[in-house]
Amino acid sequence: MKTHLLIMGALALVLGVGSRLVLPGSMTRGTAPEGPPSARRGGVAANGVIEGARPEIALRPEITGTITAVHVHENQDVYRGMLLVELRDGDQKYQEQLAQADVALARADLDKVRNGERREKRQAAAATLSAREALYQQLKSDYERSRTLFERRAVSQEKLDGDYYAMARAQADWKQAQAERDLVDARARPEDVAAAEARLAAAEARLELARVELAKTRLLAPVDGRVLQVYAEPGETAGQATARPVLLMANLSKRRVRAFVEELDVCRVRVGQSAAVTADGLPGKEFAGKVAELLPRMGKRVPQSDASGEYKDLYYREALIDLDAADELPTNLRVQVRIAADAEEDLR
């Protein structure tokens, strides 16, 4: 009889423990209250992390190089465009100087095409033309005199032919001088101007590329904010492929909580609801805020609370909560959030 009683007691104990393991309402999900949403009262609980006005920004230079100077320190306020870090930039400066020289040459060529030859060269061409014309006129007169004398049989055929060819050469030289003078005085052709302008534009584009490459050796603050942590020192190599950023910064003009609302509570949270935030490291303190934004997608990106029995495979919706006064809270601090759900939501 006692044996039967012992067996019955053991079965009852096993059934009781099994029911607690099977029933979903009895399982713990992170720091949320026990039971399904329809049975909860007093709002929606969620884990979260402290952020600034915007999430933290990990900064790296656009190109890989050796750090020569770090101009900021941790906990320093910076403004947009402020110089934070410099890389070695000797090669980039030489490329910029070469590009500047190319631009100067291209601009000079364009000015030459537009303005034509110098005044001195025009004067020289005009003087050459006058001299060639005078020589031609003289040789032409000699030929005409020789022809008259040849008709009178006073000169030989050889003399007449010599004077003729001398006159012809002088005439050709005079015409060549005319062509050179016209070329010097001529206005630039549109196609020549267009070609010179294109060469200048290409040189200026190469200069801008050189300046962009030089600018990449200077890491500037993208927004106003505060330097949270500096990871690199002068002499180290930094770039997009390095494991750690050069520094971490954030806009700390206000504090926000990025809360991770479980999928079973998503329909109970709306923009404008009030929220209370607590942290394990600040016992007895509570920070008030309001839900400012709900992200339009679900995800699994959530900080774990390390609570025993916490589910790891749930989907969450991120809710951004603006805090009223919480400047003492450091960024990336894990906190607990309770969002005040509407009464009508609790009764459903």
C-alpha atoms as a PDB file:
ATOM      1  CA  MET A   1       0.000   0.000   0.000  1.00  0.00           C
ATOM      2  CA  LYS A   2       2.788   2.370   0.872  1.00  0.00           C
ATOM      3  CA  THR A   3       4.473   1.477  -2.398  1.00  0.00           C
ATOM      4  CA  HIS A   4       1.343   2.452  -4.344  1.00  0.00           C
ATOM      5  CA  LEU A   5       1.145   5.751  -2.498  1.00  0.00           C
ATOM      6  CA  LEU A   6       4.767   6.514  -3.258  1.00  0.00           C
ATOM      7  CA  ILE A   7       4.229   5.728  -6.957  1.00  0.00           C
ATOM      8  CA  MET A   8       1.124   7.940  -7.106  1.00  0.00           C
ATOM      9  CA  GLY A   9       2.970  10.829  -5.455  1.00  0.00           C
ATOM     10  CA  ALA A  10       5.866  10.548  -7.857  1.00  0.00           C
ATOM     11  CA  LEU A  11       3.490  10.602 -10.865  1.00  0.00           C
ATOM     12  CA  ALA A  12       1.752  13.689  -9.524  1.00  0.00           C
ATOM     13  CA  LEU A  13       5.084  15.426  -9.063  1.00  0.00           C
ATOM     14  CA  VAL A  14       6.213  14.589 -12.612  1.00  0.00           C
ATOM     15  CA  LEU A  15       2.903  15.774 -14.104  1.00  0.00           C
ATOM     16  CA  GLY A  16       3.117  19.072 -12.218  1.00  0.00           C
ATOM     17  CA  VAL A  17       6.653  19.802 -13.362  1.00  0.00           C
ATOM     18  CA  GLY A  18       5.807  18.797 -16.937  1.00  0.00           C
ATOM     19  CA  SER A  19       2.828  21.126 -17.079  1.00  0.00           C
ATOM     20  CA  ARG A  20       5.030  24.059 -16.033  1.00  0.00           C
ATOM     21  CA  LEU A  21       7.515  23.206 -18.778  1.00  0.00           C
ATOM     22  CA  VAL A  22       4.870  22.879 -21.503  1.00  0.00           C
ATOM     23  CA  LEU A  23       2.556  25.801 -20.800  1.00  0.00           C
ATOM     24  CA  PRO A  24       3.781  28.909 -22.727  1.00  0.00           C
ATOM     25  CA  GLY A  25       2.457  31.277 -20.093  1.00  0.00           C
ATOM     26  CA  SER A  26       4.851  29.894 -17.519  1.00  0.00           C
ATOM     27  CA  MET A  27       8.072  30.488 -19.537  1.00  0.00           C
ATOM     28  CA  THR A  28      10.382  33.458 -19.061  1.00  0.00           C
ATOM     29  CA  ARG A  29      11.217  35.669 -22.064  1.00  0.00           C
ATOM     30  CA  GLY A  30      14.094  37.970 -21.179  1.00  0.00           C
ATOM     31  CA  THR A  31      13.035  40.562 -18.663  1.00  0.00           C
ATOM     32  CA  ALA A  32       9.394  40.643 -19.803  1.00  0.00           C
ATOM     33  CA  PRO A  33       6.614  39.690 -17.344  1.00  0.00           C
ATOM     34  CA  GLU A  34       5.347  36.136 -17.403  1.00  0.00           C
ATOM     35  CA  GLY A  35       2.230  35.209 -19.357  1.00  0.00           C
ATOM     36  CA  PRO A  36       0.925  36.052 -22.851  1.00  0.00           C
ATOM     37  CA  PRO A  37       0.202  39.686 -23.772  1.00  0.00           C
ATOM     38  CA  SER A  38      -3.530  39.226 -23.302  1.00  0.00           C
ATOM     39  CA  ALA A  39      -2.911  38.365 -19.658  1.00  0.00           C
ATOM     40  CA  ARG A  40      -0.405  41.100 -18.891  1.00  0.00           C
ATOM     41  CA  ARG A  41      -1.249  44.289 -17.060  1.00  0.00           C
ATOM     42  CA  GLY A  42       0.781  47.435 -16.492  1.00  0.00           C
ATOM     43  CA  GLY A  43       2.379  47.896 -19.953  1.00  0.00           C
ATOM     44  CA  VAL A  44       4.914  46.266 -22.228  1.00  0.00           C
ATOM     45  CA  ALA A  45       8.371  45.318 -20.994  1.00  0.00           C
ATOM     46  CA  ALA A  46      11.431  45.225 -23.246  1.00  0.00           C
ATOM     47  CA  ASN A  47      15.209  45.310 -23.192  1.00  0.00           C
ATOM     48  CA  GLY A  48      17.022  48.268 -24.708  1.00  0.00           C
ATOM     49  CA  VAL A  49      20.259  50.212 -25.050  1.00  0.00           C
ATOM     50  CA  ILE A  50      21.057  53.893 -24.546  1.00  0.00           C
ATOM     51  CA  GLU A  51      21.937  55.948 -27.625  1.00  0.00           C
ATOM     52  CA  GLY A  52      22.507  59.604 -28.393  1.00  0.00           C
ATOM     53  CA  ALA A  53      20.349  61.657 -30.708  1.00  0.00           C
ATOM     54  CA  ARG A  54      21.633  59.324 -33.444  1.00  0.00           C
ATOM     55  CA  PRO A  55      23.398  55.954 -33.233  1.00  0.00           C
ATOM     56  CA  GLU A  56      27.145  55.887 -32.639  1.00  0.00           C
ATOM     57  CA  ILE A  57      29.385  56.511 -35.656  1.00  0.00           C
ATOM     58  CA  ALA A  58      32.554  54.482 -36.215  1.00  0.00           C
ATOM     59  CA  LEU A  59      34.979  56.616 -38.242  1.00  0.00           C
ATOM     60  CA  ARG A  60      37.704  55.332 -40.572  1.00  0.00           C
ATOM     61  CA  PRO A  61      39.655  57.205 -43.282  1.00  0.00           C
ATOM     62  CA  GLU A  62      38.577  56.507 -46.863  1.00  0.00           C
ATOM     63  CA  ILE A  63      42.069  55.427 -47.881  1.00  0.00           C
ATOM     64  CA  THR A  64      44.646  53.293 -46.119  1.00  0.00           C
ATOM     65  CA  GLY A  65      47.607  55.187 -44.721  1.00  0.00           C
ATOM     66  CA  THR A  66      49.801  55.912 -41.740  1.00  0.00           C
ATOM     67  CA  ILE A  67      48.394  58.193 -39.063  1.00  0.00           C
ATOM     68  CA  THR A  68      50.566  61.266 -38.484  1.00  0.00           C
ATOM     69  CA  ALA A  69      48.362  63.169 -36.009  1.00  0.00           C
ATOM     70  CA  VAL A  70      45.257  62.674 -33.855  1.00  0.00           C
ATOM     71  CA  HIS A  71      43.800  66.086 -33.005  1.00  0.00           C
ATOM     72  CA  VAL A  72      41.044  65.060 -30.563  1.00  0.00           C
ATOM     73  CA  HIS A  73      40.717  63.160 -27.330  1.00  0.00           C
ATOM     74  CA  GLU A  74      37.991  61.140 -25.688  1.00  0.00           C
ATOM     75  CA  ASN A  75      34.957  62.999 -24.312  1.00  0.00           C
ATOM     76  CA  GLN A  76      35.767  66.056 -26.459  1.00  0.00           C
ATOM     77  CA  ASP A  77      32.944  67.906 -28.188  1.00  0.00           C
ATOM     78  CA  VAL A  78      33.526  68.376 -31.919  1.00  0.00           C
ATOM     79  CA  TYR A  79      31.700  70.243 -34.669  1.00  0.00           C
ATOM     80  CA  ARG A  80      30.906  69.214 -38.212  1.00  0.00           C
ATOM     81  CA  GLY A  81      33.923  69.576 -40.496  1.00  0.00           C
ATOM     82  CA  MET A  82      36.448  69.678 -37.644  1.00  0.00           C
ATOM     83  CA  LEU A  83      39.775  67.979 -38.389  1.00  0.00           C
ATOM     84  CA  LEU A  84      40.060  64.803 -36.315  1.00  0.00           C
ATOM     85  CA  VAL A  85      42.896  62.714 -37.764  1.00  0.00           C
ATOM     86  CA  GLU A  86      45.581  63.229 -40.437  1.00  0.00           C
ATOM     87  CA  LEU A  87      47.339  60.597 -42.550  1.00  0.00           C
ATOM     88  CA  ARG A  88      50.695  60.848 -44.305  1.00  0.00           C
ATOM     89  CA  ASP A  89      49.979  62.857 -47.471  1.00  0.00           C
ATOM     90  CA  GLY A  90      53.281  63.399 -49.324  1.00  0.00           C
ATOM     91  CA  ASP A  91      52.313  61.457 -52.463  1.00  0.00           C
ATOM     92  CA  GLN A  92      48.914  63.131 -52.670  1.00  0.00           C
ATOM     93  CA  LYS A  93      50.468  66.625 -52.406  1.00  0.00           C
ATOM     94  CA  TYR A  94      52.872  65.910 -55.263  1.00  0.00           C
ATOM     95  CA  GLN A  95      49.995  64.684 -57.421  1.00  0.00           C
ATOM     96  CA  GLU A  96      48.115  67.899 -56.685  1.00  0.00           C
ATOM     97  CA  GLN A  97      51.134  70.031 -57.669  1.00  0.00           C
ATOM     98  CA  LEU A  98      51.521  68.156 -60.966  1.00  0.00           C
ATOM     99  CA  ALA A  99      47.833  68.620 -61.703  1.00  0.00           C
ATOM    100  CA  GLN A 100      48.091  72.356 -60.940  1.00  0.00           C
ATOM    101  CA  ALA A 101      50.962  72.662 -63.430  1.00  0.00           C
ATOM    102  CA  ASP A 102      48.923  70.875 -66.112  1.00  0.00           C
ATOM    103  CA  VAL A 103      46.052  73.294 -65.531  1.00  0.00           C
ATOM    104  CA  ALA A 104      48.386  76.287 -65.894  1.00  0.00           C
ATOM    105  CA  LEU A 105      49.746  74.957 -69.206  1.00  0.00           C
ATOM    106  CA  ALA A 106      46.282  74.204 -70.565  1.00  0.00           C
ATOM    107  CA  ARG A 107      45.015  77.663 -69.596  1.00  0.00           C
ATOM    108  CA  ALA A 108      47.996  79.325 -71.291  1.00  0.00           C
ATOM    109  CA  ASP A 109      47.330  77.355 -74.474  1.00  0.00           C
ATOM    110  CA  LEU A 110      43.697  78.409 -74.449  1.00  0.00           C
ATOM    111  CA  ASP A 111      44.640  82.067 -73.989  1.00  0.00           C
ATOM    112  CA  LYS A 112      47.081  81.784 -76.895  1.00  0.00           C
ATOM    113  CA  VAL A 113      44.397  80.313 -79.141  1.00  0.00           C
ATOM    114  CA  ARG A 114      41.878  82.978 -78.193  1.00  0.00           C
ATOM    115  CA  ASN A 115      44.218  85.973 -78.323  1.00  0.00           C
ATOM    116  CA  GLY A 116      46.339  84.936 -81.280  1.00  0.00           C
ATOM    117  CA  GLU A 117      50.040  85.665 -81.649  1.00  0.00           C
ATOM    118  CA  ARG A 118      51.855  88.339 -79.719  1.00  0.00           C
ATOM    119  CA  ARG A 119      52.004  91.908 -81.022  1.00  0.00           C
ATOM    120  CA  GLU A 120      55.759  91.614 -81.626  1.00  0.00           C
ATOM    121  CA  LYS A 121      55.281  88.567 -83.843  1.00  0.00           C
ATOM    122  CA  ARG A 122      52.586  90.375 -85.823  1.00  0.00           C
ATOM    123  CA  GLN A 123      54.912  93.319 -86.329  1.00  0.00           C
ATOM    124  CA  ALA A 124      57.702  90.989 -87.479  1.00  0.00           C
ATOM    125  CA  ALA A 125      55.375  89.279 -89.955  1.00  0.00           C
ATOM    126  CA  ALA A 126      54.280  92.653 -91.346  1.00  0.00           C
ATOM    127  CA  ALA A 127      57.916  93.780 -91.735  1.00  0.00           C
ATOM    128  CA  THR A 128      58.837  90.568 -93.539  1.00  0.00           C
ATOM    129  CA  LEU A 129      55.904  91.017 -95.877  1.00  0.00           C
ATOM    130  CA  SER A 130      56.982  94.588 -96.729  1.00  0.00           C
ATOM    131  CA  ALA A 131      60.554  93.493 -97.407  1.00  0.00           C
ATOM    132  CA  ARG A 132      59.460  90.611 -99.637  1.00  0.00           C
ATOM    133  CA  GLU A 133      57.116  92.892-101.544  1.00  0.00           C
ATOM    134  CA  ALA A 134      59.843  95.489-102.089  1.00  0.00           C
ATOM    135  CA  LEU A 135      62.240  92.836-103.361  1.00  0.00           C
ATOM    136  CA  TYR A 136      59.631  91.491-105.731  1.00  0.00           C
ATOM    137  CA  GLN A 137      58.909  94.932-107.114  1.00  0.00           C
ATOM    138  CA  GLN A 138      62.617  95.553-107.673  1.00  0.00           C
ATOM    139  CA  LEU A 139      63.167  92.227-109.455  1.00  0.00           C
ATOM    140  CA  LYS A 140      60.030  92.727-111.499  1.00  0.00           C
ATOM    141  CA  SER A 141      61.386  96.085-112.687  1.00  0.00           C
ATOM    142  CA  ASP A 142      64.720  94.441-113.551  1.00  0.00           C
ATOM    143  CA  TYR A 143      62.965  91.779-115.582  1.00  0.00           C
ATOM    144  CA  GLU A 144      60.854  94.308-117.486  1.00  0.00           C
ATOM    145  CA  ARG A 145      63.973  96.314-118.336  1.00  0.00           C
ATOM    146  CA  SER A 146      65.782  93.187-119.475  1.00  0.00           C
ATOM    147  CA  ARG A 147      62.863  92.203-121.668  1.00  0.00           C
ATOM    148  CA  THR A 148      62.860  95.629-123.335  1.00  0.00           C
ATOM    149  CA  LEU A 149      66.589  95.387-123.940  1.00  0.00           C
ATOM    150  CA  PHE A 150      66.247  91.828-125.223  1.00  0.00           C
ATOM    151  CA  GLU A 151      63.725  93.021-127.840  1.00  0.00           C
ATOM    152  CA  ARG A 152      66.406  95.491-128.967  1.00  0.00           C
ATOM    153  CA  ARG A 153      68.918  92.676-128.876  1.00  0.00           C
ATOM    154  CA  ALA A 154      70.879  94.549-126.224  1.00  0.00           C
ATOM    155  CA  VAL A 155      70.962  91.626-123.687  1.00  0.00           C
ATOM    156  CA  SER A 156      71.230  87.882-124.031  1.00  0.00           C
ATOM    157  CA  GLN A 157      68.541  85.262-123.538  1.00  0.00           C
ATOM    158  CA  GLU A 158      70.433  84.009-120.534  1.00  0.00           C
ATOM    159  CA  LYS A 159      70.210  87.440-118.854  1.00  0.00           C
ATOM    160  CA  LEU A 160      66.493  87.644-119.586  1.00  0.00           C
ATOM    161  CA  ASP A 161      65.841  84.170-118.175  1.00  0.00           C
ATOM    162  CA  GLY A 162      67.866  84.901-115.023  1.00  0.00           C
ATOM    163  CA  ASP A 163      65.928  88.089-114.320  1.00  0.00           C
ATOM    164  CA  TYR A 164      62.643  86.272-114.892  1.00  0.00           C
ATOM    165  CA  TYR A 165      63.353  83.420-112.467  1.00  0.00           C
ATOM    166  CA  ALA A 166      64.663  85.836-109.853  1.00  0.00           C
ATOM    167  CA  MET A 167      61.414  87.788-110.136  1.00  0.00           C
ATOM    168  CA  ALA A 168      59.359  84.570-109.889  1.00  0.00           C
ATOM    169  CA  ARG A 169      61.176  83.469-106.731  1.00  0.00           C
ATOM    170  CA  ALA A 170      60.669  86.887-105.170  1.00  0.00           C
ATOM    171  CA  GLN A 171      56.989  86.752-106.041  1.00  0.00           C
ATOM    172  CA  ALA A 172      56.641  83.316-104.373  1.00  0.00           C
ATOM    173  CA  ASP A 173      58.422  84.573-101.247  1.00  0.00           C
ATOM    174  CA  TRP A 174      56.124  87.607-101.165  1.00  0.00           C
ATOM    175  CA  LYS A 175      53.014  85.392-101.349  1.00  0.00           C
ATOM    176  CA  GLN A 176      54.394  83.161 -98.587  1.00  0.00           C
ATOM    177  CA  ALA A 177      54.953  86.216 -96.377  1.00  0.00           C
ATOM    178  CA  GLN A 178      51.382  87.301 -97.082  1.00  0.00           C
ATOM    179  CA  ALA A 179      50.069  83.894 -95.986  1.00  0.00           C
ATOM    180  CA  GLU A 180      52.161  83.977 -92.793  1.00  0.00           C
ATOM    181  CA  ARG A 181      50.971  87.503 -91.993  1.00  0.00           C
ATOM    182  CA  ASP A 182      47.334  86.439 -92.549  1.00  0.00           C
ATOM    183  CA  LEU A 183      47.829  83.382 -90.294  1.00  0.00           C
ATOM    184  CA  VAL A 184      49.261  85.530 -87.528  1.00  0.00           C
ATOM    185  CA  ASP A 185      46.428  88.043 -87.789  1.00  0.00           C
ATOM    186  CA  ALA A 186      43.646  85.473 -88.240  1.00  0.00           C
ATOM    187  CA  ARG A 187      41.024  84.943 -85.525  1.00  0.00           C
ATOM    188  CA  ALA A 188      40.981  81.571 -83.760  1.00  0.00           C
ATOM    189  CA  ARG A 189      38.788  78.938 -85.378  1.00  0.00           C
ATOM    190  CA  PRO A 190      35.878  77.670 -83.211  1.00  0.00           C
ATOM    191  CA  GLU A 191      37.152  74.102 -83.348  1.00  0.00           C
ATOM    192  CA  ASP A 192      40.598  75.179 -82.123  1.00  0.00           C
ATOM    193  CA  VAL A 193      39.048  77.087 -79.236  1.00  0.00           C
ATOM    194  CA  ALA A 194      36.829  74.105 -78.395  1.00  0.00           C
ATOM    195  CA  ALA A 195      39.812  71.737 -78.392  1.00  0.00           C
ATOM    196  CA  ALA A 196      41.816  74.044 -76.119  1.00  0.00           C
ATOM    197  CA  GLU A 197      38.838  74.432 -73.754  1.00  0.00           C
ATOM    198  CA  ALA A 198      38.460  70.641 -73.602  1.00  0.00           C
ATOM    199  CA  ARG A 199      42.140  70.213 -72.709  1.00  0.00           C
ATOM    200  CA  LEU A 200      41.743  72.792 -69.938  1.00  0.00           C
ATOM    201  CA  ALA A 201      38.597  71.072 -68.608  1.00  0.00           C
ATOM    202  CA  ALA A 202      40.407  67.707 -68.522  1.00  0.00           C
ATOM    203  CA  ALA A 203      43.340  69.241 -66.647  1.00  0.00           C
ATOM    204  CA  GLU A 204      40.998  70.888 -64.128  1.00  0.00           C
ATOM    205  CA  ALA A 205      39.198  67.568 -63.610  1.00  0.00           C
ATOM    206  CA  ARG A 206      42.503  65.846 -62.892  1.00  0.00           C
ATOM    207  CA  LEU A 207      43.293  68.608 -60.400  1.00  0.00           C
ATOM    208  CA  GLU A 208      39.976  68.056 -58.607  1.00  0.00           C
ATOM    209  CA  LEU A 209      40.665  64.322 -58.431  1.00  0.00           C
ATOM    210  CA  ALA A 210      44.084  65.037 -56.936  1.00  0.00           C
ATOM    211  CA  ARG A 211      42.504  67.353 -54.368  1.00  0.00           C
ATOM    212  CA  VAL A 212      39.887  64.733 -53.501  1.00  0.00           C
ATOM    213  CA  GLU A 213      42.635  62.160 -52.927  1.00  0.00           C
ATOM    214  CA  LEU A 214      44.494  64.663 -50.754  1.00  0.00           C
ATOM    215  CA  ALA A 215      41.329  65.394 -48.768  1.00  0.00           C
ATOM    216  CA  LYS A 216      40.952  61.679 -48.051  1.00  0.00           C
ATOM    217  CA  THR A 217      44.080  61.882 -45.893  1.00  0.00           C
ATOM    218  CA  ARG A 218      42.175  64.154 -43.487  1.00  0.00           C
ATOM    219  CA  LEU A 219      39.410  62.614 -41.389  1.00  0.00           C
ATOM    220  CA  LEU A 220      36.756  65.231 -40.590  1.00  0.00           C
ATOM    221  CA  ALA A 221      33.813  65.088 -38.204  1.00  0.00           C
ATOM    222  CA  PRO A 222      30.670  64.287 -40.239  1.00  0.00           C
ATOM    223  CA  VAL A 223      28.305  65.848 -37.664  1.00  0.00           C
ATOM    224  CA  ASP A 224      28.363  67.768 -34.411  1.00  0.00           C
ATOM    225  CA  GLY A 225      28.895  65.424 -31.488  1.00  0.00           C
ATOM    226  CA  ARG A 226      31.287  64.053 -28.917  1.00  0.00           C
ATOM    227  CA  VAL A 227      34.241  61.716 -29.225  1.00  0.00           C
ATOM    228  CA  LEU A 228      33.391  58.600 -27.247  1.00  0.00           C
ATOM    229  CA  GLN A 229      36.562  56.613 -27.759  1.00  0.00           C
ATOM    230  CA  VAL A 230      39.853  56.907 -29.670  1.00  0.00           C
ATOM    231  CA  TYR A 231      41.317  53.613 -30.836  1.00  0.00           C
ATOM    232  CA  ALA A 232      44.359  54.631 -32.929  1.00  0.00           C
ATOM    233  CA  GLU A 233      47.603  56.488 -32.322  1.00  0.00           C
ATOM    234  CA  PRO A 234      50.124  58.219 -34.618  1.00  0.00           C
ATOM    235  CA  GLY A 235      52.261  55.699 -36.462  1.00  0.00           C
ATOM    236  CA  GLU A 236      49.485  53.135 -36.813  1.00  0.00           C
ATOM    237  CA  THR A 237      47.947  52.153 -40.139  1.00  0.00           C
ATOM    238  CA  ALA A 238      44.288  52.994 -40.632  1.00  0.00           C
ATOM    239  CA  GLY A 239      41.795  52.509 -43.443  1.00  0.00           C
ATOM    240  CA  GLN A 240      38.477  51.031 -44.466  1.00  0.00           C
ATOM    241  CA  ALA A 241      39.799  47.472 -44.112  1.00  0.00           C
ATOM    242  CA  THR A 242      41.241  47.820 -40.604  1.00  0.00           C
ATOM    243  CA  ALA A 243      39.481  45.839 -37.886  1.00  0.00           C
ATOM    244  CA  ARG A 244      38.956  48.740 -35.503  1.00  0.00           C
ATOM    245  CA  PRO A 245      37.823  52.260 -36.382  1.00  0.00           C
ATOM    246  CA  VAL A 246      40.055  55.218 -35.681  1.00  0.00           C
ATOM    247  CA  LEU A 247      37.510  56.672 -33.279  1.00  0.00           C
ATOM    248  CA  LEU A 248      33.898  56.447 -32.178  1.00  0.00           C
ATOM    249  CA  MET A 249      31.610  59.460 -31.851  1.00  0.00           C
ATOM    250  CA  ALA A 250      27.945  60.260 -31.339  1.00  0.00           C
ATOM    251  CA  ASN A 251      25.535  63.174 -31.105  1.00  0.00           C
ATOM    252  CA  LEU A 252      24.804  63.451 -27.378  1.00  0.00           C
ATOM    253  CA  SER A 253      22.497  66.462 -27.506  1.00  0.00           C
ATOM    254  CA  LYS A 254      19.870  64.142 -26.058  1.00  0.00           C
ATOM    255  CA  ARG A 255      19.497  60.532 -24.947  1.00  0.00           C
ATOM    256  CA  ARG A 256      17.329  57.896 -26.593  1.00  0.00           C
ATOM    257  CA  VAL A 257      16.603  54.281 -25.870  1.00  0.00           C
ATOM    258  CA  ARG A 258      16.493  51.742 -28.652  1.00  0.00           C
ATOM    259  CA  ALA A 259      14.026  49.278 -27.154  1.00  0.00           C
ATOM    260  CA  PHE A 260      13.449  45.806 -28.623  1.00  0.00           C
ATOM    261  CA  VAL A 261       9.766  44.948 -28.376  1.00  0.00           C
ATOM    262  CA  GLU A 262       8.941  41.248 -28.667  1.00  0.00           C
ATOM    263  CA  GLU A 263       6.763  40.171 -31.566  1.00  0.00           C
ATOM    264  CA  LEU A 264       3.866  39.234 -29.251  1.00  0.00           C
ATOM    265  CA  ASP A 265       3.751  42.816 -27.942  1.00  0.00           C
ATOM    266  CA  VAL A 266       4.200  44.680 -31.227  1.00  0.00           C
ATOM    267  CA  CYS A 267       0.527  45.612 -31.628  1.00  0.00           C
ATOM    268  CA  ARG A 268       0.398  47.154 -28.153  1.00  0.00           C
ATOM    269  CA  VAL A 269       3.076  49.779 -28.728  1.00  0.00           C
ATOM    270  CA  ARG A 270       2.418  53.062 -30.548  1.00  0.00           C
ATOM    271  CA  VAL A 271       4.148  56.394 -31.048  1.00  0.00           C
ATOM    272  CA  GLY A 272       3.438  58.820 -28.216  1.00  0.00           C
ATOM    273  CA  GLN A 273       3.092  56.279 -25.412  1.00  0.00           C
ATOM    274  CA  SER A 274       4.990  57.072 -22.232  1.00  0.00           C
ATOM    275  CA  ALA A 275       7.797  54.825 -21.032  1.00  0.00           C
ATOM    276  CA  ALA A 276       9.846  54.266 -17.894  1.00  0.00           C
ATOM    277  CA  VAL A 277      13.494  53.240 -18.139  1.00  0.00           C
ATOM    278  CA  THR A 278      15.620  51.623 -15.431  1.00  0.00           C
ATOM    279  CA  ALA A 279      19.145  50.244 -15.322  1.00  0.00           C
ATOM    280  CA  ASP A 280      20.658  47.591 -13.087  1.00  0.00           C
ATOM    281  CA  GLY A 281      23.634  49.840 -12.384  1.00  0.00           C
ATOM    282  CA  LEU A 282      21.401  52.670 -11.125  1.00  0.00           C
ATOM    283  CA  PRO A 283      19.098  51.067  -8.544  1.00  0.00           C
ATOM    284  CA  GLY A 284      16.196  53.178  -7.417  1.00  0.00           C
ATOM    285  CA  LYS A 285      16.385  55.559 -10.392  1.00  0.00           C
ATOM    286  CA  GLU A 286      13.788  55.742 -13.146  1.00  0.00           C
ATOM    287  CA  PHE A 287      13.935  57.849 -16.295  1.00  0.00           C
ATOM    288  CA  ALA A 288      10.810  58.985 -18.138  1.00  0.00           C
ATOM    289  CA  GLY A 289      10.368  59.193 -21.877  1.00  0.00           C
ATOM    290  CA  LYS A 290       8.005  58.746 -24.809  1.00  0.00           C
ATOM    291  CA  VAL A 291       7.940  56.477 -27.819  1.00  0.00           C
ATOM    292  CA  ALA A 292       9.148  58.691 -30.706  1.00  0.00           C
ATOM    293  CA  GLU A 293       9.449  56.207 -33.546  1.00  0.00           C
ATOM    294  CA  LEU A 294       8.696  52.600 -34.459  1.00  0.00           C
ATOM    295  CA  LEU A 295      10.873  50.946 -37.075  1.00  0.00           C
ATOM    296  CA  PRO A 296       8.858  49.459 -39.967  1.00  0.00           C
ATOM    297  CA  ARG A 297      10.420  45.985 -39.871  1.00  0.00           C
ATOM    298  CA  MET A 298      11.078  43.120 -37.493  1.00  0.00           C
ATOM    299  CA  GLY A 299      14.515  41.784 -36.734  1.00  0.00           C
ATOM    300  CA  LYS A 300      16.664  39.732 -34.367  1.00  0.00           C
ATOM    301  CA  ARG A 301      19.168  42.443 -33.457  1.00  0.00           C
ATOM    302  CA  VAL A 302      18.727  42.668 -29.700  1.00  0.00           C
ATOM    303  CA  PRO A 303      21.031  42.773 -26.654  1.00  0.00           C
ATOM    304  CA  GLN A 304      20.701  39.706 -24.468  1.00  0.00           C
ATOM    305  CA  SER A 305      19.953  40.103 -20.788  1.00  0.00           C
ATOM    306  CA  ASP A 306      21.721  36.878 -19.793  1.00  0.00           C
ATOM    307  CA  ALA A 307      18.595  35.869 -17.883  1.00  0.00           C
ATOM    308  CA  SER A 308      18.144  32.121 -17.414  1.00  0.00           C
ATOM    309  CA  GLY A 309      15.535  30.678 -19.756  1.00  0.00           C
ATOM    310  CA  GLU A 310      15.632  33.705 -22.086  1.00  0.00           C
ATOM    311  CA  TYR A 311      14.388  32.954 -25.594  1.00  0.00           C
ATOM    312  CA  LYS A 312      17.017  33.559 -28.299  1.00  0.00           C
ATOM    313  CA  ASP A 313      14.892  32.966 -31.411  1.00  0.00           C
ATOM    314  CA  LEU A 314      12.219  35.652 -31.046  1.00  0.00           C
ATOM    315  CA  TYR A 315      11.729  38.494 -33.508  1.00  0.00           C
ATOM    316  CA  TYR A 316      11.698  42.058 -32.225  1.00  0.00           C
ATOM    317  CA  ARG A 317      10.567  45.455 -33.406  1.00  0.00           C
ATOM    318  CA  GLU A 318      12.755  48.385 -32.512  1.00  0.00           C
ATOM    319  CA  ALA A 319      11.130  51.334 -30.766  1.00  0.00           C
ATOM    320  CA  LEU A 320      13.007  54.611 -30.290  1.00  0.00           C
ATOM    321  CA  ILE A 321      12.181  56.318 -27.005  1.00  0.00           C
ATOM    322  CA  ASP A 322      13.188  59.927 -26.316  1.00  0.00           C
ATOM    323  CA  LEU A 323      14.175  60.466 -22.670  1.00  0.00           C
ATOM    324  CA  ASP A 324      13.299  63.672 -20.864  1.00  0.00           C
ATOM    325  CA  ALA A 325      16.449  64.063 -18.737  1.00  0.00           C
ATOM    326  CA  ALA A 326      19.053  61.334 -18.802  1.00  0.00           C
ATOM    327  CA  ASP A 327      22.387  62.950 -19.636  1.00  0.00           C
ATOM    328  CA  GLU A 328      24.076  60.855 -16.951  1.00  0.00           C
ATOM    329  CA  LEU A 329      23.363  57.643 -18.829  1.00  0.00           C
ATOM    330  CA  PRO A 330      26.317  56.480 -20.956  1.00  0.00           C
ATOM    331  CA  THR A 331      25.683  55.279 -24.471  1.00  0.00           C
ATOM    332  CA  ASN A 332      25.446  51.532 -25.076  1.00  0.00           C
ATOM    333  CA  LEU A 333      24.185  50.966 -21.528  1.00  0.00           C
ATOM    334  CA  ARG A 334      21.721  48.075 -21.371  1.00  0.00           C
ATOM    335  CA  VAL A 335      18.460  49.109 -19.748  1.00  0.00           C
ATOM    336  CA  GLN A 336      14.986  47.790 -19.063  1.00  0.00           C
ATOM    337  CA  VAL A 337      11.979  49.573 -20.516  1.00  0.00           C
ATOM    338  CA  ARG A 338       8.308  49.476 -19.575  1.00  0.00           C
ATOM    339  CA  ILE A 339       5.999  51.116 -22.089  1.00  0.00           C
ATOM    340  CA  ALA A 340       2.561  52.155 -20.821  1.00  0.00           C
ATOM    341  CA  ALA A 341       0.070  50.395 -23.113  1.00  0.00           C
ATOM    342  CA  ASP A 342      -3.438  51.850 -23.506  1.00  0.00           C
ATOM    343  CA  ALA A 343      -6.177  50.448 -21.275  1.00  0.00           C
ATOM    344  CA  GLU A 344      -8.190  49.259 -24.261  1.00  0.00           C
ATOM    345  CA  GLU A 345      -5.172  47.302 -25.428  1.00  0.00           C
ATOM    346  CA  ASP A 346      -4.852  45.617 -22.025  1.00  0.00           C
ATOM    347  CA  LEU A 347      -8.501  44.532 -22.074  1.00  0.00           C
ATOM    348  CA  ARG A 348      -8.301  42.820 -25.441  1.00  0.00           C
END
